[in-house]
C-alpha atoms as a PDB file:
ATOM      1  CA  MET A   1      -0.123  -0.142  -0.082  1.00  0.00           C
ATOM      2  CA  LEU A   2       2.954   2.083   0.414  1.00  0.00           C
ATOM      3  CA  THR A   3       4.597   1.498  -2.421  1.00  0.00           C
ATOM      4  CA  SER A   4       1.306   1.881  -4.466  1.00  0.00           C
ATOM      5  CA  TRP A   5       0.604   5.237  -3.080  1.00  0.00           C
ATOM      6  CA  TYR A   6       3.863   6.731  -3.695  1.00  0.00           C
ATOM      7  CA  HIS A   7       4.389   5.523  -7.227  1.00  0.00           C
ATOM      8  CA  SER A   8       0.293   7.697  -7.305  1.00  0.00           C
ATOM      9  CA  ILE A   9       1.753  10.878  -6.736  1.00  0.00           C
ATOM     10  CA  PRO A  10       0.921  12.599  -9.609  1.00  0.00           C
ATOM     11  CA  PRO A  11       3.072  14.468 -12.242  1.00  0.00           C
ATOM     12  CA  THR A  12       2.979  17.389 -11.105  1.00  0.00           C
ATOM     13  CA  LEU A  13       4.379  17.095  -7.193  1.00  0.00           C
ATOM     14  CA  GLN A  14       7.578  14.731  -9.104  1.00  0.00           C
ATOM     15  CA  MET A  15      11.371  15.484  -8.209  1.00  0.00           C
ATOM     16  CA  ASN A  16      11.571  16.801 -12.107  1.00  0.00           C
ATOM     17  CA  VAL A  17       9.255  19.435 -11.945  1.00  0.00           C
ATOM     18  CA  ILE A  18      11.235  22.718 -12.378  1.00  0.00           C
ATOM     19  CA  TYR A  19       8.707  26.202 -12.179  1.00  0.00           C
ATOM     20  CA  GLN A  20       9.483  29.373 -13.017  1.00  0.00           C
ATOM     21  CA  ARG A  21      11.372  31.710 -10.861  1.00  0.00           C
ATOM     22  CA  LYS A  22       9.901  29.620  -7.820  1.00  0.00           C
ATOM     23  CA  LEU A  23      11.486  27.268  -5.772  1.00  0.00           C
ATOM     24  CA  CYS A  24      10.388  23.317  -5.885  1.00  0.00           C
ATOM     25  CA  PHE A  25       9.333  22.316  -2.546  1.00  0.00           C
ATOM     26  CA  HIS A  26       7.922  18.538  -3.539  1.00  0.00           C
ATOM     27  CA  GLY A  27      11.522  17.395  -1.441  1.00  0.00           C
ATOM     28  CA  TYR A  28       9.604  17.009   2.196  1.00  0.00           C
ATOM     29  CA  LEU A  29       6.802  14.640   0.451  1.00  0.00           C
ATOM     30  CA  HIS A  30       9.515  12.477  -1.529  1.00  0.00           C
ATOM     31  CA  PHE A  31      12.157  12.062   1.380  1.00  0.00           C
ATOM     32  CA  SER A  32       8.649  11.405   3.801  1.00  0.00           C
ATOM     33  CA  TYR A  33       7.893   8.349   1.929  1.00  0.00           C
ATOM     34  CA  TYR A  34      11.080   7.408   2.667  1.00  0.00           C
ATOM     35  CA  GLY A  35      11.706   7.870   6.255  1.00  0.00           C
ATOM     36  CA  VAL A  36       8.450   5.898   6.524  1.00  0.00           C
ATOM     37  CA  VAL A  37      10.252   2.995   4.948  1.00  0.00           C
ATOM     38  CA  MET A  38      13.177   3.212   6.830  1.00  0.00           C
ATOM     39  CA  THR A  39      11.434   3.217  10.325  1.00  0.00           C
ATOM     40  CA  LEU A  40      10.377   0.209   9.344  1.00  0.00           C
ATOM     41  CA  LEU A  41      13.080  -1.505   7.997  1.00  0.00           C
ATOM     42  CA  ARG A  42      15.040  -0.260  11.136  1.00  0.00           C
ATOM     43  CA  ARG A  43      12.820  -1.948  13.755  1.00  0.00           C
ATOM     44  CA  LEU A  44      13.062  -5.399  11.158  1.00  0.00           C
ATOM     45  CA  ILE A  45      16.152  -5.582  11.011  1.00  0.00           C
ATOM     46  CA  ARG A  46      17.099  -4.764  14.881  1.00  0.00           C
ATOM     47  CA  SER A  47      14.683  -7.693  15.332  1.00  0.00           C
ATOM     48  CA  THR A  48      16.553  -9.623  13.312  1.00  0.00           C
ATOM     49  CA  ALA A  49      20.132  -8.522  14.793  1.00  0.00           C
ATOM     50  CA  LEU A  50      18.901  -9.638  18.671  1.00  0.00           C
ATOM     51  CA  PRO A  51      17.939 -12.299  20.332  1.00  0.00           C
ATOM     52  CA  PRO A  52      15.121 -14.105  19.277  1.00  0.00           C
ATOM     53  CA  ARG A  53      16.399 -14.825  16.101  1.00  0.00           C
ATOM     54  CA  CYS A  54      14.461 -15.451  13.148  1.00  0.00           C
ATOM     55  CA  THR A  55      15.611 -19.038  12.157  1.00  0.00           C
ATOM     56  CA  ASP A  56      13.802 -18.126   8.274  1.00  0.00           C
ATOM     57  CA  ASP A  57      17.359 -17.564   6.286  1.00  0.00           C
ATOM     58  CA  ARG A  58      15.338 -16.305   3.389  1.00  0.00           C
ATOM     59  CA  VAL A  59      13.385 -13.565   5.566  1.00  0.00           C
ATOM     60  CA  LEU A  60      16.771 -12.713   6.833  1.00  0.00           C
ATOM     61  CA  SER A  61      18.072 -12.384   3.322  1.00  0.00           C
ATOM     62  CA  ASP A  62      14.964 -10.037   2.157  1.00  0.00           C
ATOM     63  CA  ILE A  63      14.689  -7.478   4.823  1.00  0.00           C
ATOM     64  CA  ARG A  64      18.332  -6.776   4.005  1.00  0.00           C
ATOM     65  CA  GLN A  65      18.408  -6.698   0.645  1.00  0.00           C
ATOM     66  CA  ILE A  66      15.286  -4.622   0.494  1.00  0.00           C
ATOM     67  CA  ALA A  67      17.192  -2.216   3.468  1.00  0.00           C
ATOM     68  CA  LEU A  68      20.105  -2.257   0.919  1.00  0.00           C
ATOM     69  CA  GLN A  69      17.927  -1.021  -2.025  1.00  0.00           C
ATOM     70  CA  THR A  70      16.181   1.388   0.172  1.00  0.00           C
ATOM     71  CA  ALA A  71      19.508   3.214   1.630  1.00  0.00           C
ATOM     72  CA  GLN A  72      20.517   3.270  -1.740  1.00  0.00           C
ATOM     73  CA  ASN A  73      17.797   4.941  -3.764  1.00  0.00           C
ATOM     74  CA  ALA A  74      17.512   7.318  -0.091  1.00  0.00           C
ATOM     75  CA  ILE A  75      21.055   8.778  -0.715  1.00  0.00           C
ATOM     76  CA  SER A  76      20.548   9.049  -4.514  1.00  0.00           C
ATOM     77  CA  PHE A  77      17.508  11.361  -3.573  1.00  0.00           C
ATOM     78  CA  VAL A  78      19.481  13.455  -0.918  1.00  0.00           C
ATOM     79  CA  THR A  79      22.875  13.453  -3.034  1.00  0.00           C
ATOM     80  CA  SER A  80      20.663  14.263  -6.012  1.00  0.00           C
ATOM     81  CA  LEU A  81      18.683  16.959  -4.533  1.00  0.00           C
ATOM     82  CA  ARG A  82      19.337  20.523  -6.930  1.00  0.00           C
ATOM     83  CA  PRO A  83      19.522  24.238  -5.136  1.00  0.00           C
ATOM     84  CA  ASP A  84      15.750  24.602  -6.129  1.00  0.00           C
ATOM     85  CA  HIS A  85      14.791  21.808  -3.595  1.00  0.00           C
ATOM     86  CA  LEU A  86      17.613  22.653  -0.639  1.00  0.00           C
ATOM     87  CA  GLU A  87      16.169  26.193  -0.676  1.00  0.00           C
ATOM     88  CA  ALA A  88      12.452  26.038  -0.758  1.00  0.00           C
ATOM     89  CA  PHE A  89      10.190  24.730   2.487  1.00  0.00           C
ATOM     90  CA  TRP A  90      11.100  22.131   4.182  1.00  0.00           C
ATOM     91  CA  TYR A  91       8.805  20.548   7.618  1.00  0.00           C
ATOM     92  CA  PHE A  92      10.359  20.912  11.358  1.00  0.00           C
ATOM     93  CA  THR A  93      11.093  17.314  10.633  1.00  0.00           C
ATOM     94  CA  SER A  94      13.320  17.612   8.309  1.00  0.00           C
ATOM     95  CA  PRO A  95      16.520  17.521  10.238  1.00  0.00           C
ATOM     96  CA  TYR A  96      15.472  13.875  11.939  1.00  0.00           C
ATOM     97  CA  LEU A  97      14.703  12.847   8.336  1.00  0.00           C
ATOM     98  CA  PHE A  98      18.067  13.255   7.401  1.00  0.00           C
ATOM     99  CA  SER A  99      19.683  11.753  10.581  1.00  0.00           C
ATOM    100  CA  LEU A 100      17.448   9.116  10.220  1.00  0.00           C
ATOM    101  CA  LEU A 101      19.040   8.054   6.672  1.00  0.00           C
ATOM    102  CA  GLY A 102      23.024   8.200   8.180  1.00  0.00           C
ATOM    103  CA  SER A 103      21.557   5.868  11.146  1.00  0.00           C
ATOM    104  CA  PHE A 104      19.752   3.209   8.983  1.00  0.00           C
ATOM    105  CA  THR A 105      23.020   3.564   7.227  1.00  0.00           C
ATOM    106  CA  THR A 106      24.817   2.935  10.136  1.00  0.00           C
ATOM    107  CA  LEU A 107      22.764   0.128  11.415  1.00  0.00           C
ATOM    108  CA  LEU A 108      23.237  -1.830   8.383  1.00  0.00           C
ATOM    109  CA  LEU A 109      26.693  -1.361   8.893  1.00  0.00           C
ATOM    110  CA  VAL A 110      27.038  -2.346  12.079  1.00  0.00           C
ATOM    111  CA  THR A 111      24.951  -5.780  11.603  1.00  0.00           C
ATOM    112  CA  SER A 112      26.805  -6.754   8.758  1.00  0.00           C
ATOM    113  CA  LEU A 113      26.437 -10.451   7.800  1.00  0.00           C
ATOM    114  CA  SER A 114      30.212  -9.952   6.698  1.00  0.00           C
ATOM    115  CA  SER A 115      33.041  -8.489   6.232  1.00  0.00           C
ATOM    116  CA  GLN A 116      32.712  -7.502   2.212  1.00  0.00           C
ATOM    117  CA  GLU A 117      29.001  -6.103   3.445  1.00  0.00           C
ATOM    118  CA  ARG A 118      30.871  -3.748   6.455  1.00  0.00           C
ATOM    119  CA  HIS A 119      33.118  -2.488   3.407  1.00  0.00           C
ATOM    120  CA  PHE A 120      30.601  -1.955   1.752  1.00  0.00           C
ATOM    121  CA  TRP A 121      28.423   0.476   4.166  1.00  0.00           C
ATOM    122  CA  GLN A 122      30.968   2.069   5.435  1.00  0.00           C
ATOM    123  CA  GLU A 123      32.220   3.657   2.268  1.00  0.00           C
ATOM    124  CA  THR A 124      28.980   3.768   1.156  1.00  0.00           C
ATOM    125  CA  LEU A 125      28.652   6.261   4.719  1.00  0.00           C
ATOM    126  CA  ASN A 126      31.180   7.784   4.273  1.00  0.00           C
ATOM    127  CA  SER A 127      30.446   8.544   0.748  1.00  0.00           C
ATOM    128  CA  TYR A 128      26.961   9.853   2.410  1.00  0.00           C
ATOM    129  CA  LEU A 129      28.630  12.214   4.936  1.00  0.00           C
ATOM    130  CA  TRP A 130      31.436  13.910   2.621  1.00  0.00           C
ATOM    131  CA  ASN A 131      28.204  14.777   0.542  1.00  0.00           C
ATOM    132  CA  TRP A 132      26.725  15.447   3.244  1.00  0.00           C
ATOM    133  CA  ARG A 133      29.237  18.275   4.212  1.00  0.00           C
ATOM    134  CA  MET A 134      29.254  20.013   1.125  1.00  0.00           C
ATOM    135  CA  MET A 135      25.202  19.993   0.548  1.00  0.00           C
ATOM    136  CA  SER A 136      24.698  20.821   4.686  1.00  0.00           C
ATOM    137  CA  LYS A 137      26.346  24.603   4.147  1.00  0.00           C
ATOM    138  CA  SER A 138      23.434  25.982   2.271  1.00  0.00           C
ATOM    139  CA  HIS A 139      20.790  24.101   4.189  1.00  0.00           C
ATOM    140  CA  GLU A 140      19.961  24.266   7.542  1.00  0.00           C
ATOM    141  CA  PRO A 141      18.109  21.076   8.698  1.00  0.00           C
ATOM    142  CA  MET A 142      20.629  18.866   6.630  1.00  0.00           C
ATOM    143  CA  GLN A 143      23.313  20.995   8.840  1.00  0.00           C
ATOM    144  CA  TYR A 144      21.822  20.292  12.170  1.00  0.00           C
ATOM    145  CA  ALA A 145      21.619  16.687  11.087  1.00  0.00           C
ATOM    146  CA  VAL A 146      24.950  16.664  10.236  1.00  0.00           C
ATOM    147  CA  ASN A 147      26.223  18.212  13.620  1.00  0.00           C
ATOM    148  CA  ARG A 148      23.987  15.213  15.017  1.00  0.00           C
ATOM    149  CA  LEU A 149      25.196  12.204  12.906  1.00  0.00           C
ATOM    150  CA  GLU A 150      29.014  13.285  13.764  1.00  0.00           C
ATOM    151  CA  GLY A 151      28.752  13.332  17.205  1.00  0.00           C
ATOM    152  CA  ALA A 152      26.160   9.995  18.210  1.00  0.00           C
ATOM    153  CA  ILE A 153      27.601   7.719  15.414  1.00  0.00           C
ATOM    154  CA  LEU A 154      31.186   8.252  14.875  1.00  0.00           C
ATOM    155  CA  ARG A 155      31.103   8.380  18.523  1.00  0.00           C
ATOM    156  CA  GLY A 156      30.519   4.681  18.663  1.00  0.00           C
ATOM    157  CA  LEU A 157      31.313   3.907  15.044  1.00  0.00           C
ATOM    158  CA  GLU A 158      34.890   2.648  16.273  1.00  0.00           C
ATOM    159  CA  HIS A 159      33.555   0.494  19.285  1.00  0.00           C
ATOM    160  CA  ALA A 160      31.138  -1.183  16.520  1.00  0.00           C
ATOM    161  CA  LEU A 161      34.058  -1.849  14.367  1.00  0.00           C
ATOM    162  CA  ALA A 162      36.422  -3.233  16.843  1.00  0.00           C
ATOM    163  CA  VAL A 163      33.925  -6.184  17.411  1.00  0.00           C
ATOM    164  CA  ASN A 164      34.390  -8.964  15.234  1.00  0.00           C
ATOM    165  CA  LEU A 165      32.132 -10.834  12.724  1.00  0.00           C
ATOM    166  CA  ASN A 166      30.277 -14.169  12.804  1.00  0.00           C
ATOM    167  CA  GLU A 167      30.851 -14.292   9.497  1.00  0.00           C
ATOM    168  CA  PRO A 168      28.989 -17.047   7.211  1.00  0.00           C
ATOM    169  CA  LEU A 169      31.637 -19.561   5.281  1.00  0.00           C
ATOM    170  CA  ASN A 170      29.997 -18.231   1.923  1.00  0.00           C
ATOM    171  CA  ASP A 171      30.954 -14.242   1.093  1.00  0.00           C
ATOM    172  CA  LYS A 172      28.819 -13.947  -1.456  1.00  0.00           C
ATOM    173  CA  VAL A 173      26.056 -14.322   1.209  1.00  0.00           C
ATOM    174  CA  SER A 174      25.679 -10.486   1.529  1.00  0.00           C
ATOM    175  CA  PRO A 175      22.344  -8.586   0.541  1.00  0.00           C
ATOM    176  CA  MET A 176      23.824  -7.112  -2.554  1.00  0.00           C
ATOM    177  CA  MET A 177      25.004 -10.428  -4.524  1.00  0.00           C
ATOM    178  CA  GLY A 178      21.408 -12.061  -4.821  1.00  0.00           C
ATOM    179  CA  ASN A 179      22.283 -15.487  -3.864  1.00  0.00           C
ATOM    180  CA  TYR A 180      20.891 -16.798  -0.339  1.00  0.00           C
ATOM    181  CA  ALA A 181      22.583 -20.116   1.016  1.00  0.00           C
ATOM    182  CA  PRO A 182      20.587 -21.677   4.403  1.00  0.00           C
ATOM    183  CA  ASP A 183      22.286 -21.695   7.719  1.00  0.00           C
ATOM    184  CA  ILE A 184      24.846 -19.596   7.252  1.00  0.00           C
ATOM    185  CA  TYR A 185      23.787 -16.259   9.620  1.00  0.00           C
ATOM    186  CA  GLU A 186      24.737 -15.369  12.341  1.00  0.00           C
ATOM    187  CA  PHE A 187      25.164 -11.846  14.308  1.00  0.00           C
ATOM    188  CA  THR A 188      27.582 -10.320  16.687  1.00  0.00           C
ATOM    189  CA  ASP A 189      25.023  -9.576  19.840  1.00  0.00           C
ATOM    190  CA  PHE A 190      24.860  -5.664  20.396  1.00  0.00           C
ATOM    191  CA  GLY A 191      22.500  -5.344  22.831  1.00  0.00           C
ATOM    192  CA  ASP A 192      24.516  -4.318  25.783  1.00  0.00           C
ATOM    193  CA  TRP A 193      26.554  -1.457  24.246  1.00  0.00           C
ATOM    194  CA  ASP A 194      26.260   1.833  25.209  1.00  0.00           C
ATOM    195  CA  LEU A 195      27.687   3.715  22.916  1.00  0.00           C
ATOM    196  CA  ALA A 196      26.803   7.052  23.848  1.00  0.00           C
ATOM    197  CA  ALA A 197      27.207   6.905  27.562  1.00  0.00           C
ATOM    198  CA  GLY A 198      27.535  10.345  29.469  1.00  0.00           C
ATOM    199  CA  GLY A 199      25.869  12.099  26.050  1.00  0.00           C
ATOM    200  CA  ASN A 200      22.928  14.008  25.430  1.00  0.00           C
ATOM    201  CA  GLY A 201      20.608  12.064  23.404  1.00  0.00           C
ATOM    202  CA  ALA A 202      21.944   8.799  23.951  1.00  0.00           C
ATOM    203  CA  TYR A 203      21.929   6.978  21.226  1.00  0.00           C
ATOM    204  CA  ASP A 204      21.509   3.483  20.490  1.00  0.00           C
ATOM    205  CA  LEU A 205      22.710   1.511  16.952  1.00  0.00           C
ATOM    206  CA  LEU A 206      20.903  -0.729  16.885  1.00  0.00           C
ATOM    207  CA  SER A 207      17.914   1.804  18.058  1.00  0.00           C
ATOM    208  CA  GLY A 208      18.347   4.469  16.664  1.00  0.00           C
ATOM    209  CA  LEU A 209      18.234   8.425  17.199  1.00  0.00           C
ATOM    210  CA  VAL A 210      16.377   9.331  20.418  1.00  0.00           C
ATOM    211  CA  MET A 211      14.482  11.845  18.566  1.00  0.00           C
ATOM    212  CA  GLN A 212      10.486  12.882  18.299  1.00  0.00           C
ATOM    213  CA  PRO A 213       8.624  12.183  14.725  1.00  0.00           C
ATOM    214  CA  ASN A 214       8.601   8.918  12.953  1.00  0.00           C
ATOM    215  CA  PRO A 215       9.731   9.392   9.018  1.00  0.00           C
ATOM    216  CA  MET A 216      10.222   6.496   5.694  1.00  0.00           C
ATOM    217  CA  MET A 217      11.953   6.575   2.467  1.00  0.00           C
ATOM    218  CA  PRO A 218      10.917   4.995  -1.109  1.00  0.00           C
ATOM    219  CA  GLN A 219      11.506   1.905  -2.877  1.00  0.00           C
ATOM    220  CA  GLU A 220      10.924   0.634  -6.632  1.00  0.00           C
ATOM    221  CA  ASP A 221      11.708  -2.888  -5.853  1.00  0.00           C
ATOM    222  CA  LEU A 222       9.468  -3.022  -2.348  1.00  0.00           C
ATOM    223  CA  ARG A 223       5.799  -5.316  -2.724  1.00  0.00           C
END
């Protein structure tokens, strides 16, 4: 239903619309959709990464494949925003949406099933933060999110990457590879971490940012 709604957005509200001498205000509508999808997926990913774990390997692999596509679509959306998008009106939840994308990518990183997947998400997060820093100079909601993420995520990331993975025997089992072998999914237990002790707005890499609204994302392949 959510995907059907997104694909039913009329042409007049699409991101490729260009107004004459007027800012394009469609960005928040589309980004809110990404935020909703990421919020749902974040709950599913966290549930499969903590005990009691799902025993259906196909379900696990499908969730992570959808999460991969979602994160890539959302990042592509953000990096393709034009100046007339960035300068237009964005609702008060916009900083949360930008932060959510960073925390969602970090969640995929710290729950990676293989070193290959972990490397992929680490590179993706680094690239996203770099593009963000450049774009945030002219966009206040994004600037807020950059400051919050760099403080919250990166504070716990060094600890996260120091944890050894219980890797599958077949490295090709990572979500981006397409083939999923049974009986190979093992997760590191992150449940006892306190990655943001002593800070304001404590951050749990498996729970997500402690903020107020609840957003989501778009996905061509979500069914």
